N, C-alpha and C. Protein backbone atom coordinates (compact mmCIF):
# COMPACT_ATOMS: atom_id res chain seq x y z
N MET A 1 35.29 -48.38 48.11
CA MET A 1 34.90 -48.47 46.63
C MET A 1 33.88 -47.10 46.73
N THR A 2 33.93 -46.40 45.52
CA THR A 2 33.20 -45.19 45.52
C THR A 2 31.87 -45.57 44.82
N PRO A 3 30.76 -44.78 45.02
CA PRO A 3 29.77 -44.97 44.46
C PRO A 3 29.52 -44.75 43.02
N ASP A 4 28.91 -45.45 42.15
CA ASP A 4 28.68 -45.28 40.96
C ASP A 4 27.57 -44.28 40.59
N PRO A 5 27.99 -42.94 40.09
CA PRO A 5 26.97 -42.03 39.91
C PRO A 5 25.85 -42.22 38.72
N ASP A 6 25.92 -43.37 37.99
CA ASP A 6 24.93 -43.80 37.19
C ASP A 6 23.96 -44.85 37.50
N HIS A 7 24.22 -45.43 38.86
CA HIS A 7 23.30 -46.39 39.40
C HIS A 7 22.83 -46.12 40.80
N THR A 8 21.67 -46.46 40.82
CA THR A 8 21.03 -46.35 42.31
C THR A 8 21.57 -47.53 42.93
N PRO A 9 22.02 -47.41 44.36
CA PRO A 9 22.55 -48.59 45.32
C PRO A 9 21.51 -49.58 45.49
N ILE A 10 21.76 -50.90 45.54
CA ILE A 10 20.82 -51.81 45.89
C ILE A 10 20.73 -52.08 47.26
N ARG A 11 19.43 -52.10 47.97
CA ARG A 11 19.31 -52.20 49.29
C ARG A 11 18.64 -53.43 49.58
N LYS A 12 18.93 -54.10 50.74
CA LYS A 12 18.54 -55.51 51.21
C LYS A 12 17.26 -55.26 52.01
N LEU A 13 16.30 -56.21 51.92
CA LEU A 13 15.08 -56.13 52.54
C LEU A 13 14.80 -57.71 53.05
N ARG A 14 14.64 -57.65 54.28
CA ARG A 14 14.28 -59.07 54.58
C ARG A 14 12.75 -59.32 54.98
N VAL A 15 12.22 -60.13 53.98
CA VAL A 15 10.91 -60.46 54.03
C VAL A 15 10.46 -61.86 53.64
N SER A 16 9.45 -62.28 54.07
CA SER A 16 9.19 -63.72 53.68
C SER A 16 8.62 -63.81 52.08
N ASP A 17 8.90 -65.03 51.47
CA ASP A 17 8.65 -65.13 49.90
C ASP A 17 7.12 -65.05 49.70
N PRO A 18 6.29 -65.62 50.63
CA PRO A 18 4.80 -65.31 50.24
C PRO A 18 4.49 -63.94 50.39
N LEU A 19 4.76 -63.17 51.35
CA LEU A 19 4.58 -61.74 51.46
C LEU A 19 5.08 -61.14 50.22
N TRP A 20 6.32 -61.33 49.89
CA TRP A 20 7.05 -60.60 48.75
C TRP A 20 6.20 -60.76 47.39
N GLU A 21 5.79 -62.38 47.22
CA GLU A 21 4.87 -62.61 46.07
C GLU A 21 3.53 -61.85 46.11
N ALA A 22 2.80 -61.65 47.36
CA ALA A 22 1.56 -61.17 47.43
C ALA A 22 1.62 -59.52 47.24
N TYR A 23 2.79 -59.12 47.67
CA TYR A 23 2.94 -57.50 47.35
C TYR A 23 3.13 -57.35 46.03
N ASP A 24 4.03 -58.20 45.51
CA ASP A 24 4.05 -57.78 43.90
C ASP A 24 2.81 -57.84 43.21
N SER A 25 2.11 -58.82 43.42
CA SER A 25 0.82 -59.15 42.68
C SER A 25 -0.17 -57.72 43.00
N VAL A 26 -0.30 -57.25 44.28
CA VAL A 26 -1.06 -56.10 44.58
C VAL A 26 -0.55 -54.87 43.95
N CYS A 27 0.81 -54.64 43.81
CA CYS A 27 1.37 -53.59 43.38
C CYS A 27 1.03 -53.54 41.91
N GLN A 28 0.93 -54.66 41.14
CA GLN A 28 0.98 -54.60 39.66
C GLN A 28 -0.56 -54.55 39.51
N ARG A 29 -1.49 -54.93 40.22
CA ARG A 29 -2.84 -55.05 39.99
C ARG A 29 -3.66 -53.66 40.40
N VAL A 30 -3.10 -53.08 41.51
CA VAL A 30 -3.84 -51.84 42.00
C VAL A 30 -3.13 -50.78 41.39
N PHE A 31 -1.61 -50.56 41.51
CA PHE A 31 -1.10 -49.45 41.18
C PHE A 31 -0.40 -49.39 39.87
N GLY A 32 -0.39 -50.45 39.10
CA GLY A 32 0.34 -50.74 37.89
C GLY A 32 1.99 -50.32 38.02
N ARG A 33 2.54 -50.82 39.08
CA ARG A 33 4.06 -50.48 39.13
C ARG A 33 4.65 -51.64 40.09
N THR A 34 5.80 -51.71 39.92
CA THR A 34 6.56 -52.60 40.69
C THR A 34 6.61 -52.38 42.20
N ARG A 35 7.13 -53.42 42.74
CA ARG A 35 7.34 -53.48 44.43
C ARG A 35 8.23 -52.32 44.65
N SER A 36 9.55 -52.20 44.10
CA SER A 36 10.54 -51.07 44.15
C SER A 36 9.89 -49.78 43.87
N GLU A 37 9.16 -49.49 43.05
CA GLU A 37 8.50 -48.17 42.74
C GLU A 37 7.42 -47.91 43.77
N ASP A 38 6.64 -48.92 44.17
CA ASP A 38 5.96 -48.81 45.31
C ASP A 38 6.60 -48.39 46.55
N LEU A 39 7.63 -49.13 46.98
CA LEU A 39 8.46 -48.82 48.17
C LEU A 39 9.03 -47.42 48.13
N VAL A 40 9.64 -47.01 46.95
CA VAL A 40 10.20 -45.84 46.91
C VAL A 40 9.15 -44.65 47.12
N GLU A 41 7.96 -45.01 46.39
CA GLU A 41 6.92 -43.99 46.56
C GLU A 41 6.23 -43.73 47.87
N HIS A 42 6.38 -45.08 48.74
CA HIS A 42 5.89 -45.00 50.14
C HIS A 42 6.88 -44.07 50.89
N MET A 43 8.25 -44.26 50.59
CA MET A 43 9.24 -43.81 51.41
C MET A 43 9.05 -42.00 51.14
N ARG A 44 8.92 -41.56 49.87
CA ARG A 44 8.74 -40.44 49.65
C ARG A 44 7.42 -39.79 50.45
N GLN A 45 6.34 -40.43 50.37
CA GLN A 45 5.14 -40.07 51.04
C GLN A 45 5.60 -39.82 52.58
N VAL A 46 5.97 -40.90 53.18
CA VAL A 46 6.37 -40.96 54.62
C VAL A 46 7.27 -39.50 54.86
N ILE A 47 8.13 -39.23 54.16
CA ILE A 47 9.32 -38.16 54.23
C ILE A 47 8.38 -36.95 54.30
N ARG A 48 7.41 -36.71 53.39
CA ARG A 48 6.72 -35.34 52.78
C ARG A 48 5.88 -35.19 54.01
N GLU A 49 5.15 -36.25 54.64
CA GLU A 49 4.30 -36.00 55.75
C GLU A 49 4.76 -35.98 57.14
N HIS A 50 5.99 -36.48 57.43
CA HIS A 50 6.59 -36.50 58.79
C HIS A 50 8.05 -36.08 58.87
N GLY A 51 8.68 -35.74 57.55
CA GLY A 51 10.09 -35.25 57.72
C GLY A 51 10.23 -34.17 58.29
N SER A 52 11.30 -33.78 58.96
CA SER A 52 12.13 -32.58 59.44
C SER A 52 12.59 -31.73 58.22
N ALA A 53 12.79 -30.51 58.48
CA ALA A 53 13.35 -29.73 57.39
C ALA A 53 14.57 -30.52 56.75
N ALA A 54 15.51 -31.04 57.60
CA ALA A 54 16.56 -31.67 56.98
C ALA A 54 16.29 -32.93 56.26
N GLU A 55 15.31 -33.55 56.72
CA GLU A 55 14.89 -34.96 55.96
C GLU A 55 14.19 -34.57 54.70
N LEU A 56 13.28 -33.43 54.72
CA LEU A 56 12.80 -32.87 53.33
C LEU A 56 14.01 -32.54 52.48
N ALA A 57 14.85 -31.75 52.83
CA ALA A 57 16.15 -31.33 52.26
C ALA A 57 16.92 -32.55 51.33
N LEU A 58 17.01 -33.77 52.41
CA LEU A 58 17.52 -34.90 51.57
C LEU A 58 16.67 -35.54 50.50
N LEU A 59 15.32 -35.47 50.76
CA LEU A 59 14.42 -35.88 49.84
C LEU A 59 14.66 -35.09 48.48
N GLU A 60 14.68 -33.63 48.66
CA GLU A 60 14.87 -33.12 47.73
C GLU A 60 16.31 -33.07 46.76
N GLN A 61 17.18 -33.31 47.58
CA GLN A 61 18.64 -33.97 47.30
C GLN A 61 18.73 -35.13 46.09
N ALA A 62 17.76 -36.13 46.74
CA ALA A 62 17.76 -37.46 46.17
C ALA A 62 16.80 -37.40 44.93
N GLU A 63 15.81 -36.44 44.92
CA GLU A 63 14.99 -36.41 43.65
C GLU A 63 15.91 -35.65 42.57
N LYS A 64 16.81 -34.80 43.15
CA LYS A 64 17.49 -34.02 42.01
C LYS A 64 18.56 -35.05 41.18
N GLU A 65 19.22 -36.05 42.29
CA GLU A 65 20.00 -36.92 41.99
C GLU A 65 19.42 -37.73 40.91
N LEU A 66 18.31 -38.32 41.01
CA LEU A 66 17.69 -39.43 40.41
C LEU A 66 17.24 -38.53 38.99
N ALA A 67 17.00 -37.27 39.02
CA ALA A 67 16.46 -36.72 37.71
C ALA A 67 17.67 -36.39 36.80
N GLU A 68 18.92 -36.24 37.54
CA GLU A 68 20.33 -35.94 36.77
C GLU A 68 20.61 -37.31 36.20
N ARG A 69 20.47 -38.26 37.08
CA ARG A 69 20.83 -39.73 36.42
C ARG A 69 20.09 -40.12 35.30
N ARG A 70 18.85 -39.96 35.34
CA ARG A 70 17.93 -40.42 34.27
C ARG A 70 18.23 -39.39 33.09
N ALA A 71 18.51 -38.21 33.17
CA ALA A 71 18.85 -37.49 32.21
C ALA A 71 20.00 -37.78 31.30
N ARG A 72 21.17 -38.42 31.93
CA ARG A 72 22.44 -38.72 31.47
C ARG A 72 21.94 -40.17 30.71
N LYS A 73 20.91 -40.83 31.06
CA LYS A 73 20.87 -42.22 30.71
C LYS A 73 19.52 -42.08 29.38
N GLY A 74 18.99 -40.57 29.23
CA GLY A 74 18.01 -40.59 28.30
C GLY A 74 16.39 -41.10 28.85
N GLY A 75 16.35 -40.72 30.11
CA GLY A 75 15.14 -41.00 30.79
C GLY A 75 14.87 -42.45 31.24
N ARG A 76 13.64 -42.64 31.88
CA ARG A 76 13.48 -44.04 32.50
C ARG A 76 13.27 -44.94 31.44
N PRO A 77 13.83 -46.14 31.55
CA PRO A 77 13.35 -47.02 30.51
C PRO A 77 12.10 -47.41 30.40
N PRO A 78 11.45 -47.84 29.22
CA PRO A 78 9.95 -48.22 29.03
C PRO A 78 9.90 -49.57 29.95
N LYS A 79 8.65 -49.51 30.51
CA LYS A 79 8.33 -50.91 30.96
C LYS A 79 8.13 -51.99 30.24
N THR A 80 8.36 -53.34 30.24
CA THR A 80 8.07 -54.33 29.45
C THR A 80 7.10 -55.18 30.31
N GLY A 81 6.40 -55.80 29.52
CA GLY A 81 5.43 -56.77 29.77
C GLY A 81 4.01 -56.27 29.94
């Protein structure tokens, strides 16, 4: 199966339900963002702080890919709720 250039792949994460619920609440209250947004931002920060040149290049590639995908879709959809 070839990856769909218009969709970000879904990744699985194993975590207990109470931890997941508490994390959602904190992310919304403190940062005003979803768990997914917070996890992705955390990953970016870790790569920026500790990444090798090759890993930083992969981060740059990922950011360009995301920007291109959003441009095709007309930007990030507005948040609801």
